[in-house]
Amino acid sequence: MTEPSEFAQAEAALPGLEPSRPHDSAMVKAARRTITSLEAAGYLDERHAVLCQQMIELAEVVDIGRRSGKASAVAMAAAQIIATYQLMVPEASGGEGGDAWDELVADMRRSATAPRDSS
């Protein structure tokens, strides 16, 4: 059995860290920039792979919804992008500016159980 940190070379980079493609929408490019910035700041590791992928896919949904005139799809995906981003950013340590959402996320993070070794 392989260790959780052993990935194929193609899977080495987190989703969103690969270069933008020419046909990427402005929203997808912005999501990639955000992921790159968070990774450069040291906030992301392998545990964030699914959140990075989710952010890219939600950015694609926003673009598709916008182009097809589906405002409700755009609004729902945009709200989920914000929620995904908030899960990717570490808790603020002290200070003001926290709201109920930040407190909920912090409570969820503190109450999460550590992953179990399945071997």
PDB file of N, CA and C in Angstrom:
ATOM      1  N   MET A   1       0.839  -1.176   0.000  1.00  0.00           N
ATOM      2  CA  MET A   1       0.000   0.000   0.000  1.00  0.00           C
ATOM      3  C   MET A   1       0.886   1.242   0.000  1.00  0.00           C
ATOM      4  N   THR A   2       0.481   2.246  -0.737  1.00  0.00           N
ATOM      5  CA  THR A   2       1.273   3.465  -0.815  1.00  0.00           C
ATOM      6  C   THR A   2       0.887   4.412   0.307  1.00  0.00           C
ATOM      7  N   GLU A   3       1.817   5.250   0.653  1.00  0.00           N
ATOM      8  CA  GLU A   3       1.554   6.280   1.652  1.00  0.00           C
ATOM      9  C   GLU A   3       0.658   7.347   1.022  1.00  0.00           C
ATOM     10  N   PRO A   4      -0.149   8.061   1.830  1.00  0.00           N
ATOM     11  CA  PRO A   4      -1.034   9.088   1.273  1.00  0.00           C
ATOM     12  C   PRO A   4      -0.308  10.184   0.511  1.00  0.00           C
ATOM     13  N   SER A   5       0.948  10.432   0.830  1.00  0.00           N
ATOM     14  CA  SER A   5       1.669  11.512   0.168  1.00  0.00           C
ATOM     15  C   SER A   5       2.394  11.052  -1.091  1.00  0.00           C
ATOM     16  N   GLU A   6       2.257   9.792  -1.469  1.00  0.00           N
ATOM     17  CA  GLU A   6       2.904   9.285  -2.675  1.00  0.00           C
ATOM     18  C   GLU A   6       1.925   9.357  -3.845  1.00  0.00           C
ATOM     19  N   PHE A   7       2.201  10.284  -4.758  1.00  0.00           N
ATOM     20  CA  PHE A   7       1.336  10.488  -5.903  1.00  0.00           C
ATOM     21  C   PHE A   7       2.140  10.303  -7.179  1.00  0.00           C
ATOM     22  N   ALA A   8       1.427   9.985  -8.242  1.00  0.00           N
ATOM     23  CA  ALA A   8       2.067   9.944  -9.556  1.00  0.00           C
ATOM     24  C   ALA A   8       2.548  11.349  -9.893  1.00  0.00           C
ATOM     25  N   GLN A   9       3.548  11.459 -10.746  1.00  0.00           N
ATOM     26  CA  GLN A   9       4.113  12.756 -11.087  1.00  0.00           C
ATOM     27  C   GLN A   9       3.039  13.717 -11.604  1.00  0.00           C
ATOM     28  N   ALA A  10       2.082  13.203 -12.378  1.00  0.00           N
ATOM     29  CA  ALA A  10       1.028  14.055 -12.928  1.00  0.00           C
ATOM     30  C   ALA A  10       0.132  14.625 -11.835  1.00  0.00           C
ATOM     31  N   GLU A  11       0.095  13.983 -10.677  1.00  0.00           N
ATOM     32  CA  GLU A  11      -0.745  14.443  -9.590  1.00  0.00           C
ATOM     33  C   GLU A  11       0.026  15.255  -8.549  1.00  0.00           C
ATOM     34  N   ALA A  12       1.287  15.547  -8.811  1.00  0.00           N
ATOM     35  CA  ALA A  12       2.131  16.207  -7.823  1.00  0.00           C
ATOM     36  C   ALA A  12       1.633  17.600  -7.462  1.00  0.00           C
ATOM     37  N   ALA A  13       1.204  18.366  -8.425  1.00  0.00           N
ATOM     38  CA  ALA A  13       0.735  19.722  -8.150  1.00  0.00           C
ATOM     39  C   ALA A  13      -0.745  19.700  -7.773  1.00  0.00           C
ATOM     40  N   LEU A  14      -1.107  20.580  -6.892  1.00  0.00           N
ATOM     41  CA  LEU A  14      -2.513  20.701  -6.534  1.00  0.00           C
ATOM     42  C   LEU A  14      -3.319  21.193  -7.736  1.00  0.00           C
ATOM     43  N   PRO A  15      -4.584  20.787  -7.832  1.00  0.00           N
ATOM     44  CA  PRO A  15      -5.422  21.306  -8.910  1.00  0.00           C
ATOM     45  C   PRO A  15      -5.465  22.836  -8.849  1.00  0.00           C
ATOM     46  N   GLY A  16      -5.375  23.458  -9.984  1.00  0.00           N
ATOM     47  CA  GLY A  16      -5.406  24.911 -10.048  1.00  0.00           C
ATOM     48  C   GLY A  16      -4.032  25.539 -10.141  1.00  0.00           C
ATOM     49  N   LEU A  17      -2.985  24.767  -9.843  1.00  0.00           N
ATOM     50  CA  LEU A  17      -1.630  25.313  -9.924  1.00  0.00           C
ATOM     51  C   LEU A  17      -1.019  25.160 -11.312  1.00  0.00           C
ATOM     52  N   GLU A  18      -1.676  24.375 -12.158  1.00  0.00           N
ATOM     53  CA  GLU A  18      -1.175  24.256 -13.524  1.00  0.00           C
ATOM     54  C   GLU A  18      -1.429  25.581 -14.247  1.00  0.00           C
ATOM     55  N   PRO A  19      -0.671  25.860 -15.295  1.00  0.00           N
ATOM     56  CA  PRO A  19      -0.837  27.137 -16.008  1.00  0.00           C
ATOM     57  C   PRO A  19      -2.245  27.276 -16.590  1.00  0.00           C
ATOM     58  N   SER A  20      -2.705  28.513 -16.663  1.00  0.00           N
ATOM     59  CA  SER A  20      -4.000  28.778 -17.289  1.00  0.00           C
ATOM     60  C   SER A  20      -3.943  28.382 -18.755  1.00  0.00           C
ATOM     61  N   ARG A  21      -5.103  27.956 -19.253  1.00  0.00           N
ATOM     62  CA  ARG A  21      -5.223  27.621 -20.677  1.00  0.00           C
ATOM     63  C   ARG A  21      -5.786  28.828 -21.403  1.00  0.00           C
ATOM     64  N   PRO A  22      -5.482  28.958 -22.677  1.00  0.00           N
ATOM     65  CA  PRO A  22      -5.958  30.135 -23.419  1.00  0.00           C
ATOM     66  C   PRO A  22      -7.481  30.310 -23.382  1.00  0.00           C
ATOM     67  N   HIS A  23      -8.218  29.220 -23.338  1.00  0.00           N
ATOM     68  CA  HIS A  23      -9.674  29.327 -23.375  1.00  0.00           C
ATOM     69  C   HIS A  23     -10.305  29.450 -21.984  1.00  0.00           C
ATOM     70  N   ASP A  24      -9.506  29.500 -20.925  1.00  0.00           N
ATOM     71  CA  ASP A  24     -10.064  29.669 -19.585  1.00  0.00           C
ATOM     72  C   ASP A  24     -10.790  31.002 -19.484  1.00  0.00           C
ATOM     73  N   SER A  25     -11.919  30.984 -18.796  1.00  0.00           N
ATOM     74  CA  SER A  25     -12.671  32.219 -18.578  1.00  0.00           C
ATOM     75  C   SER A  25     -11.943  33.076 -17.549  1.00  0.00           C
ATOM     76  N   ALA A  26     -12.367  34.321 -17.442  1.00  0.00           N
ATOM     77  CA  ALA A  26     -11.775  35.221 -16.448  1.00  0.00           C
ATOM     78  C   ALA A  26     -11.975  34.667 -15.043  1.00  0.00           C
ATOM     79  N   MET A  27     -13.120  34.034 -14.789  1.00  0.00           N
ATOM     80  CA  MET A  27     -13.399  33.482 -13.469  1.00  0.00           C
ATOM     81  C   MET A  27     -12.473  32.314 -13.148  1.00  0.00           C
ATOM     82  N   VAL A  28     -12.231  31.443 -14.113  1.00  0.00           N
ATOM     83  CA  VAL A  28     -11.327  30.310 -13.900  1.00  0.00           C
ATOM     84  C   VAL A  28      -9.903  30.831 -13.691  1.00  0.00           C
ATOM     85  N   LYS A  29      -9.499  31.821 -14.476  1.00  0.00           N
ATOM     86  CA  LYS A  29      -8.166  32.404 -14.300  1.00  0.00           C
ATOM     87  C   LYS A  29      -8.033  33.014 -12.906  1.00  0.00           C
ATOM     88  N   ALA A  30      -9.073  33.686 -12.442  1.00  0.00           N
ATOM     89  CA  ALA A  30      -9.042  34.286 -11.104  1.00  0.00           C
ATOM     90  C   ALA A  30      -8.965  33.209 -10.023  1.00  0.00           C
ATOM     91  N   ALA A  31      -9.688  32.114 -10.216  1.00  0.00           N
ATOM     92  CA  ALA A  31      -9.633  31.009  -9.251  1.00  0.00           C
ATOM     93  C   ALA A  31      -8.224  30.433  -9.204  1.00  0.00           C
ATOM     94  N   ARG A  32      -7.609  30.267 -10.369  1.00  0.00           N
ATOM     95  CA  ARG A  32      -6.230  29.768 -10.419  1.00  0.00           C
ATOM     96  C   ARG A  32      -5.266  30.724  -9.715  1.00  0.00           C
ATOM     97  N   ARG A  33      -5.452  32.023  -9.919  1.00  0.00           N
ATOM     98  CA  ARG A  33      -4.599  33.008  -9.245  1.00  0.00           C
ATOM     99  C   ARG A  33      -4.754  32.920  -7.734  1.00  0.00           C
ATOM    100  N   THR A  34      -5.985  32.745  -7.287  1.00  0.00           N
ATOM    101  CA  THR A  34      -6.237  32.636  -5.855  1.00  0.00           C
ATOM    102  C   THR A  34      -5.549  31.405  -5.277  1.00  0.00           C
ATOM    103  N   ILE A  35      -5.702  30.275  -5.953  1.00  0.00           N
ATOM    104  CA  ILE A  35      -5.076  29.032  -5.487  1.00  0.00           C
ATOM    105  C   ILE A  35      -3.559  29.185  -5.466  1.00  0.00           C
ATOM    106  N   THR A  36      -2.996  29.778  -6.508  1.00  0.00           N
ATOM    107  CA  THR A  36      -1.552  29.987  -6.573  1.00  0.00           C
ATOM    108  C   THR A  36      -1.082  30.879  -5.426  1.00  0.00           C
ATOM    109  N   SER A  37      -1.840  31.923  -5.147  1.00  0.00           N
ATOM    110  CA  SER A  37      -1.486  32.837  -4.071  1.00  0.00           C
ATOM    111  C   SER A  37      -1.549  32.154  -2.704  1.00  0.00           C
ATOM    112  N   LEU A  38      -2.598  31.382  -2.474  1.00  0.00           N
ATOM    113  CA  LEU A  38      -2.716  30.662  -1.202  1.00  0.00           C
ATOM    114  C   LEU A  38      -1.599  29.639  -1.039  1.00  0.00           C
ATOM    115  N   GLU A  39      -1.243  28.980  -2.124  1.00  0.00           N
ATOM    116  CA  GLU A  39      -0.174  27.983  -2.062  1.00  0.00           C
ATOM    117  C   GLU A  39       1.166  28.669  -1.791  1.00  0.00           C
ATOM    118  N   ALA A  40       1.415  29.797  -2.449  1.00  0.00           N
ATOM    119  CA  ALA A  40       2.665  30.530  -2.253  1.00  0.00           C
ATOM    120  C   ALA A  40       2.787  31.053  -0.818  1.00  0.00           C
ATOM    121  N   ALA A  41       1.661  31.363  -0.208  1.00  0.00           N
ATOM    122  CA  ALA A  41       1.664  31.840   1.176  1.00  0.00           C
ATOM    123  C   ALA A  41       1.792  30.688   2.173  1.00  0.00           C
ATOM    124  N   GLY A  42       1.791  29.459   1.669  1.00  0.00           N
ATOM    125  CA  GLY A  42       1.964  28.299   2.542  1.00  0.00           C
ATOM    126  C   GLY A  42       0.689  27.801   3.193  1.00  0.00           C
ATOM    127  N   TYR A  43      -0.457  28.230   2.688  1.00  0.00           N
ATOM    128  CA  TYR A  43      -1.730  27.832   3.291  1.00  0.00           C
ATOM    129  C   TYR A  43      -2.249  26.489   2.795  1.00  0.00           C
ATOM    130  N   LEU A  44      -1.731  26.002   1.669  1.00  0.00           N
ATOM    131  CA  LEU A  44      -2.283  24.793   1.067  1.00  0.00           C
ATOM    132  C   LEU A  44      -1.305  23.631   1.120  1.00  0.00           C
ATOM    133  N   ASP A  45      -1.853  22.450   1.283  1.00  0.00           N
ATOM    134  CA  ASP A  45      -1.079  21.218   1.163  1.00  0.00           C
ATOM    135  C   ASP A  45      -1.986  20.176   0.513  1.00  0.00           C
ATOM    136  N   GLU A  46      -1.573  18.924   0.530  1.00  0.00           N
ATOM    137  CA  GLU A  46      -2.324  17.870  -0.156  1.00  0.00           C
ATOM    138  C   GLU A  46      -3.752  17.716   0.359  1.00  0.00           C
ATOM    139  N   ARG A  47      -3.979  18.094   1.603  1.00  0.00           N
ATOM    140  CA  ARG A  47      -5.332  17.979   2.165  1.00  0.00           C
ATOM    141  C   ARG A  47      -6.313  18.919   1.494  1.00  0.00           C
ATOM    142  N   HIS A  48      -5.808  19.890   0.750  1.00  0.00           N
ATOM    143  CA  HIS A  48      -6.665  20.869   0.096  1.00  0.00           C
ATOM    144  C   HIS A  48      -6.940  20.545  -1.368  1.00  0.00           C
ATOM    145  N   ALA A  49      -6.491  19.394  -1.840  1.00  0.00           N
ATOM    146  CA  ALA A  49      -6.638  19.060  -3.261  1.00  0.00           C
ATOM    147  C   ALA A  49      -8.095  19.110  -3.712  1.00  0.00           C
ATOM    148  N   VAL A  50      -8.981  18.534  -2.934  1.00  0.00           N
ATOM    149  CA  VAL A  50     -10.392  18.518  -3.348  1.00  0.00           C
ATOM    150  C   VAL A  50     -10.984  19.931  -3.329  1.00  0.00           C
ATOM    151  N   LEU A  51     -10.574  20.754  -2.379  1.00  0.00           N
ATOM    152  CA  LEU A  51     -11.079  22.126  -2.341  1.00  0.00           C
ATOM    153  C   LEU A  51     -10.563  22.934  -3.529  1.00  0.00           C
ATOM    154  N   CYS A  52      -9.309  22.706  -3.898  1.00  0.00           N
ATOM    155  CA  CYS A  52      -8.761  23.391  -5.076  1.00  0.00           C
ATOM    156  C   CYS A  52      -9.519  22.979  -6.334  1.00  0.00           C
ATOM    157  N   GLN A  53      -9.744  21.681  -6.481  1.00  0.00           N
ATOM    158  CA  GLN A  53     -10.481  21.194  -7.645  1.00  0.00           C
ATOM    159  C   GLN A  53     -11.902  21.740  -7.645  1.00  0.00           C
ATOM    160  N   GLN A  54     -12.514  21.765  -6.472  1.00  0.00           N
ATOM    161  CA  GLN A  54     -13.880  22.293  -6.370  1.00  0.00           C
ATOM    162  C   GLN A  54     -13.927  23.757  -6.769  1.00  0.00           C
ATOM    163  N   MET A  55     -12.947  24.540  -6.354  1.00  0.00           N
ATOM    164  CA  MET A  55     -12.940  25.958  -6.712  1.00  0.00           C
ATOM    165  C   MET A  55     -12.853  26.138  -8.221  1.00  0.00           C
ATOM    166  N   ILE A  56     -12.010  25.359  -8.889  1.00  0.00           N
ATOM    167  CA  ILE A  56     -11.881  25.455 -10.342  1.00  0.00           C
ATOM    168  C   ILE A  56     -13.194  25.070 -11.020  1.00  0.00           C
ATOM    169  N   GLU A  57     -13.783  23.963 -10.581  1.00  0.00           N
ATOM    170  CA  GLU A  57     -15.029  23.515 -11.207  1.00  0.00           C
ATOM    171  C   GLU A  57     -16.178  24.480 -10.951  1.00  0.00           C
ATOM    172  N   LEU A  58     -16.245  25.063  -9.766  1.00  0.00           N
ATOM    173  CA  LEU A  58     -17.284  26.057  -9.489  1.00  0.00           C
ATOM    174  C   LEU A  58     -17.068  27.311 -10.338  1.00  0.00           C
ATOM    175  N   ALA A  59     -15.822  27.685 -10.565  1.00  0.00           N
ATOM    176  CA  ALA A  59     -15.543  28.833 -11.438  1.00  0.00           C
ATOM    177  C   ALA A  59     -16.031  28.546 -12.856  1.00  0.00           C
ATOM    178  N   GLU A  60     -15.871  27.297 -13.303  1.00  0.00           N
ATOM    179  CA  GLU A  60     -16.383  26.911 -14.620  1.00  0.00           C
ATOM    180  C   GLU A  60     -17.911  26.983 -14.655  1.00  0.00           C
ATOM    181  N   VAL A  61     -18.563  26.576 -13.565  1.00  0.00           N
ATOM    182  CA  VAL A  61     -20.028  26.647 -13.486  1.00  0.00           C
ATOM    183  C   VAL A  61     -20.494  28.095 -13.563  1.00  0.00           C
ATOM    184  N   VAL A  62     -19.794  28.988 -12.875  1.00  0.00           N
ATOM    185  CA  VAL A  62     -20.149  30.412 -12.933  1.00  0.00           C
ATOM    186  C   VAL A  62     -20.067  30.900 -14.374  1.00  0.00           C
ATOM    187  N   ASP A  63     -18.999  30.544 -15.062  1.00  0.00           N
ATOM    188  CA  ASP A  63     -18.836  30.986 -16.447  1.00  0.00           C
ATOM    189  C   ASP A  63     -19.917  30.420 -17.357  1.00  0.00           C
ATOM    190  N   ILE A  64     -20.187  29.137 -17.243  1.00  0.00           N
ATOM    191  CA  ILE A  64     -21.211  28.503 -18.080  1.00  0.00           C
ATOM    192  C   ILE A  64     -22.580  29.110 -17.785  1.00  0.00           C
ATOM    193  N   GLY A  65     -22.888  29.287 -16.496  1.00  0.00           N
ATOM    194  CA  GLY A  65     -24.171  29.882 -16.121  1.00  0.00           C
ATOM    195  C   GLY A  65     -24.315  31.304 -16.626  1.00  0.00           C
ATOM    196  N   ARG A  66     -23.241  32.063 -16.540  1.00  0.00           N
ATOM    197  CA  ARG A  66     -23.265  33.445 -17.015  1.00  0.00           C
ATOM    198  C   ARG A  66     -23.507  33.498 -18.512  1.00  0.00           C
ATOM    199  N   ARG A  67     -22.812  32.641 -19.261  1.00  0.00           N
ATOM    200  CA  ARG A  67     -22.960  32.641 -20.718  1.00  0.00           C
ATOM    201  C   ARG A  67     -24.330  32.150 -21.166  1.00  0.00           C
ATOM    202  N   SER A  68     -24.946  31.275 -20.375  1.00  0.00           N
ATOM    203  CA  SER A  68     -26.258  30.747 -20.766  1.00  0.00           C
ATOM    204  C   SER A  68     -27.409  31.490 -20.093  1.00  0.00           C
ATOM    205  N   GLY A  69     -27.110  32.551 -19.380  1.00  0.00           N
ATOM    206  CA  GLY A  69     -28.151  33.381 -18.784  1.00  0.00           C
ATOM    207  C   GLY A  69     -28.837  32.763 -17.577  1.00  0.00           C
ATOM    208  N   LYS A  70     -28.160  31.886 -16.867  1.00  0.00           N
ATOM    209  CA  LYS A  70     -28.749  31.226 -15.696  1.00  0.00           C
ATOM    210  C   LYS A  70     -28.229  31.883 -14.429  1.00  0.00           C
ATOM    211  N   ALA A  71     -28.890  32.979 -14.069  1.00  0.00           N
ATOM    212  CA  ALA A  71     -28.439  33.776 -12.924  1.00  0.00           C
ATOM    213  C   ALA A  71     -28.449  32.983 -11.627  1.00  0.00           C
ATOM    214  N   SER A  72     -29.440  32.110 -11.456  1.00  0.00           N
ATOM    215  CA  SER A  72     -29.503  31.354 -10.202  1.00  0.00           C
ATOM    216  C   SER A  72     -28.334  30.388 -10.080  1.00  0.00           C
ATOM    217  N   ALA A  73     -27.926  29.774 -11.191  1.00  0.00           N
ATOM    218  CA  ALA A  73     -26.767  28.872 -11.170  1.00  0.00           C
ATOM    219  C   ALA A  73     -25.504  29.650 -10.852  1.00  0.00           C
ATOM    220  N   VAL A  74     -25.377  30.846 -11.415  1.00  0.00           N
ATOM    221  CA  VAL A  74     -24.216  31.699 -11.149  1.00  0.00           C
ATOM    222  C   VAL A  74     -24.177  32.073  -9.675  1.00  0.00           C
ATOM    223  N   ALA A  75     -25.312  32.492  -9.136  1.00  0.00           N
ATOM    224  CA  ALA A  75     -25.364  32.911  -7.730  1.00  0.00           C
ATOM    225  C   ALA A  75     -25.032  31.758  -6.786  1.00  0.00           C
ATOM    226  N   MET A  76     -25.585  30.579  -7.056  1.00  0.00           N
ATOM    227  CA  MET A  76     -25.304  29.431  -6.177  1.00  0.00           C
ATOM    228  C   MET A  76     -23.840  29.023  -6.256  1.00  0.00           C
ATOM    229  N   ALA A  77     -23.280  28.978  -7.457  1.00  0.00           N
ATOM    230  CA  ALA A  77     -21.873  28.594  -7.604  1.00  0.00           C
ATOM    231  C   ALA A  77     -20.963  29.643  -6.972  1.00  0.00           C
ATOM    232  N   ALA A  78     -21.302  30.914  -7.146  1.00  0.00           N
ATOM    233  CA  ALA A  78     -20.484  31.981  -6.550  1.00  0.00           C
ATOM    234  C   ALA A  78     -20.487  31.876  -5.023  1.00  0.00           C
ATOM    235  N   ALA A  79     -21.638  31.572  -4.443  1.00  0.00           N
ATOM    236  CA  ALA A  79     -21.715  31.400  -2.985  1.00  0.00           C
ATOM    237  C   ALA A  79     -20.851  30.219  -2.536  1.00  0.00           C
ATOM    238  N   GLN A  80     -20.845  29.161  -3.322  1.00  0.00           N
ATOM    239  CA  GLN A  80     -20.033  27.996  -2.975  1.00  0.00           C
ATOM    240  C   GLN A  80     -18.533  28.268  -3.162  1.00  0.00           C
ATOM    241  N   ILE A  81     -18.184  29.129  -4.103  1.00  0.00           N
ATOM    242  CA  ILE A  81     -16.778  29.525  -4.248  1.00  0.00           C
ATOM    243  C   ILE A  81     -16.315  30.246  -2.989  1.00  0.00           C
ATOM    244  N   ILE A  82     -17.152  31.150  -2.494  1.00  0.00           N
ATOM    245  CA  ILE A  82     -16.804  31.872  -1.271  1.00  0.00           C
ATOM    246  C   ILE A  82     -16.649  30.908  -0.102  1.00  0.00           C
ATOM    247  N   ALA A  83     -17.574  29.965   0.024  1.00  0.00           N
ATOM    248  CA  ALA A  83     -17.491  28.978   1.103  1.00  0.00           C
ATOM    249  C   ALA A  83     -16.231  28.126   0.968  1.00  0.00           C
ATOM    250  N   THR A  84     -15.893  27.732  -0.251  1.00  0.00           N
ATOM    251  CA  THR A  84     -14.691  26.941  -0.489  1.00  0.00           C
ATOM    252  C   THR A  84     -13.455  27.746  -0.123  1.00  0.00           C
ATOM    253  N   TYR A  85     -13.413  28.989  -0.537  1.00  0.00           N
ATOM    254  CA  TYR A  85     -12.280  29.858  -0.216  1.00  0.00           C
ATOM    255  C   TYR A  85     -12.109  29.976   1.297  1.00  0.00           C
ATOM    256  N   GLN A  86     -13.199  30.164   2.008  1.00  0.00           N
ATOM    257  CA  GLN A  86     -13.116  30.316   3.456  1.00  0.00           C
ATOM    258  C   GLN A  86     -12.594  29.054   4.131  1.00  0.00           C
ATOM    259  N   LEU A  87     -12.842  27.894   3.552  1.00  0.00           N
ATOM    260  CA  LEU A  87     -12.282  26.661   4.098  1.00  0.00           C
ATOM    261  C   LEU A  87     -10.787  26.542   3.815  1.00  0.00           C
ATOM    262  N   MET A  88     -10.331  27.186   2.755  1.00  0.00           N
ATOM    263  CA  MET A  88      -8.923  27.092   2.367  1.00  0.00           C
ATOM    264  C   MET A  88      -8.039  28.045   3.156  1.00  0.00           C
ATOM    265  N   VAL A  89      -8.611  29.142   3.630  1.00  0.00           N
ATOM    266  CA  VAL A  89      -7.845  30.152   4.353  1.00  0.00           C
ATOM    267  C   VAL A  89      -7.826  29.782   5.831  1.00  0.00           C
ATOM    268  N   PRO A  90      -6.663  29.848   6.454  1.00  0.00           N
ATOM    269  CA  PRO A  90      -6.601  29.492   7.878  1.00  0.00           C
ATOM    270  C   PRO A  90      -7.404  30.462   8.733  1.00  0.00           C
ATOM    271  N   GLU A  91      -7.786  29.971   9.904  1.00  0.00           N
ATOM    272  CA  GLU A  91      -8.538  30.806  10.840  1.00  0.00           C
ATOM    273  C   GLU A  91      -7.760  32.067  11.157  1.00  0.00           C
ATOM    274  N   ALA A  92      -8.482  33.139  11.332  1.00  0.00           N
ATOM    275  CA  ALA A  92      -7.841  34.369  11.791  1.00  0.00           C
ATOM    276  C   ALA A  92      -7.500  34.175  13.267  1.00  0.00           C
ATOM    277  N   SER A  93      -6.329  34.572  13.631  1.00  0.00           N
ATOM    278  CA  SER A  93      -5.942  34.398  15.028  1.00  0.00           C
ATOM    279  C   SER A  93      -6.205  35.687  15.772  1.00  0.00           C
ATOM    280  N   GLY A  94      -7.303  35.706  16.495  1.00  0.00           N
ATOM    281  CA  GLY A  94      -7.644  36.881  17.283  1.00  0.00           C
ATOM    282  C   GLY A  94      -8.068  38.036  16.399  1.00  0.00           C
ATOM    283  N   GLY A  95      -8.161  39.178  16.970  1.00  0.00           N
ATOM    284  CA  GLY A  95      -8.523  40.376  16.232  1.00  0.00           C
ATOM    285  C   GLY A  95     -10.005  40.424  15.927  1.00  0.00           C
ATOM    286  N   GLU A  96     -10.397  41.517  15.317  1.00  0.00           N
ATOM    287  CA  GLU A  96     -11.797  41.701  14.983  1.00  0.00           C
ATOM    288  C   GLU A  96     -12.040  41.321  13.540  1.00  0.00           C
ATOM    289  N   GLY A  97     -13.292  41.364  13.139  1.00  0.00           N
ATOM    290  CA  GLY A  97     -13.627  41.094  11.755  1.00  0.00           C
ATOM    291  C   GLY A  97     -14.225  39.731  11.536  1.00  0.00           C
ATOM    292  N   GLY A  98     -14.193  38.847  12.543  1.00  0.00           N
ATOM    293  CA  GLY A  98     -14.804  37.542  12.390  1.00  0.00           C
ATOM    294  C   GLY A  98     -16.314  37.657  12.461  1.00  0.00           C
ATOM    295  N   ASP A  99     -16.999  36.865  11.664  1.00  0.00           N
ATOM    296  CA  ASP A  99     -18.450  36.863  11.722  1.00  0.00           C
ATOM    297  C   ASP A  99     -18.928  35.468  12.086  1.00  0.00           C
ATOM    298  N   ALA A 100     -20.224  35.260  12.058  1.00  0.00           N
ATOM    299  CA  ALA A 100     -20.794  33.970  12.439  1.00  0.00           C
ATOM    300  C   ALA A 100     -20.280  32.851  11.532  1.00  0.00           C
ATOM    301  N   TRP A 101     -20.097  33.147  10.252  1.00  0.00           N
ATOM    302  CA  TRP A 101     -19.592  32.118   9.337  1.00  0.00           C
ATOM    303  C   TRP A 101     -18.187  31.696   9.748  1.00  0.00           C
ATOM    304  N   ASP A 102     -17.333  32.662  10.048  1.00  0.00           N
ATOM    305  CA  ASP A 102     -15.970  32.348  10.477  1.00  0.00           C
ATOM    306  C   ASP A 102     -15.975  31.499  11.738  1.00  0.00           C
ATOM    307  N   GLU A 103     -16.873  31.827  12.654  1.00  0.00           N
ATOM    308  CA  GLU A 103     -16.971  31.054  13.892  1.00  0.00           C
ATOM    309  C   GLU A 103     -17.433  29.626  13.617  1.00  0.00           C
ATOM    310  N   LEU A 104     -18.400  29.463  12.712  1.00  0.00           N
ATOM    311  CA  LEU A 104     -18.877  28.128  12.358  1.00  0.00           C
ATOM    312  C   LEU A 104     -17.759  27.301  11.739  1.00  0.00           C
ATOM    313  N   VAL A 105     -17.023  27.891  10.804  1.00  0.00           N
ATOM    314  CA  VAL A 105     -15.917  27.185  10.163  1.00  0.00           C
ATOM    315  C   VAL A 105     -14.867  26.807  11.199  1.00  0.00           C
ATOM    316  N   ALA A 106     -14.550  27.726  12.097  1.00  0.00           N
ATOM    317  CA  ALA A 106     -13.562  27.434  13.145  1.00  0.00           C
ATOM    318  C   ALA A 106     -14.039  26.292  14.036  1.00  0.00           C
ATOM    319  N   ASP A 107     -15.323  26.294  14.407  1.00  0.00           N
ATOM    320  CA  ASP A 107     -15.869  25.206  15.225  1.00  0.00           C
ATOM    321  C   ASP A 107     -15.789  23.877  14.488  1.00  0.00           C
ATOM    322  N   MET A 108     -16.106  23.887  13.194  1.00  0.00           N
ATOM    323  CA  MET A 108     -16.047  22.647  12.410  1.00  0.00           C
ATOM    324  C   MET A 108     -14.616  22.131  12.329  1.00  0.00           C
ATOM    325  N   ARG A 109     -13.669  23.029  12.140  1.00  0.00           N
ATOM    326  CA  ARG A 109     -12.269  22.613  12.059  1.00  0.00           C
ATOM    327  C   ARG A 109     -11.800  22.012  13.379  1.00  0.00           C
ATOM    328  N   ARG A 110     -12.192  22.641  14.482  1.00  0.00           N
ATOM    329  CA  ARG A 110     -11.773  22.128  15.790  1.00  0.00           C
ATOM    330  C   ARG A 110     -12.424  20.796  16.120  1.00  0.00           C
ATOM    331  N   SER A 111     -13.624  20.562  15.642  1.00  0.00           N
ATOM    332  CA  SER A 111     -14.345  19.334  15.988  1.00  0.00           C
ATOM    333  C   SER A 111     -14.044  18.180  15.041  1.00  0.00           C
ATOM    334  N   ALA A 112     -13.341  18.450  13.947  1.00  0.00           N
ATOM    335  CA  ALA A 112     -13.050  17.385  12.971  1.00  0.00           C
ATOM    336  C   ALA A 112     -12.120  16.356  13.594  1.00  0.00           C
ATOM    337  N   THR A 113     -12.409  15.097  13.305  1.00  0.00           N
ATOM    338  CA  THR A 113     -11.553  14.023  13.796  1.00  0.00           C
ATOM    339  C   THR A 113     -10.372  13.859  12.844  1.00  0.00           C
ATOM    340  N   ALA A 114      -9.280  13.410  13.382  1.00  0.00           N
ATOM    341  CA  ALA A 114      -8.099  13.167  12.557  1.00  0.00           C
ATOM    342  C   ALA A 114      -8.366  11.989  11.625  1.00  0.00           C
ATOM    343  N   PRO A 115      -7.848  12.043  10.401  1.00  0.00           N
ATOM    344  CA  PRO A 115      -8.031  10.908   9.483  1.00  0.00           C
ATOM    345  C   PRO A 115      -7.419   9.646  10.078  1.00  0.00           C
ATOM    346  N   ARG A 116      -8.093   8.538   9.841  1.00  0.00           N
ATOM    347  CA  ARG A 116      -7.581   7.253  10.335  1.00  0.00           C
ATOM    348  C   ARG A 116      -6.763   6.561   9.278  1.00  0.00           C
ATOM    349  N   ASP A 117      -5.791   5.829   9.733  1.00  0.00           N
ATOM    350  CA  ASP A 117      -4.971   5.035   8.821  1.00  0.00           C
ATOM    351  C   ASP A 117      -5.774   3.802   8.439  1.00  0.00           C
ATOM    352  N   SER A 118      -6.011   3.599   7.149  1.00  0.00           N
ATOM    353  CA  SER A 118      -6.853   2.497   6.687  1.00  0.00           C
ATOM    354  C   SER A 118      -6.076   1.210   6.484  1.00  0.00           C
ATOM    355  N   SER A 119      -4.800   1.198   6.806  1.00  0.00           N
ATOM    356  CA  SER A 119      -4.009  -0.022   6.584  1.00  0.00           C
ATOM    357  C   SER A 119      -4.179  -1.036   7.696  1.00  0.00           C
TER     358      SER A 119
END
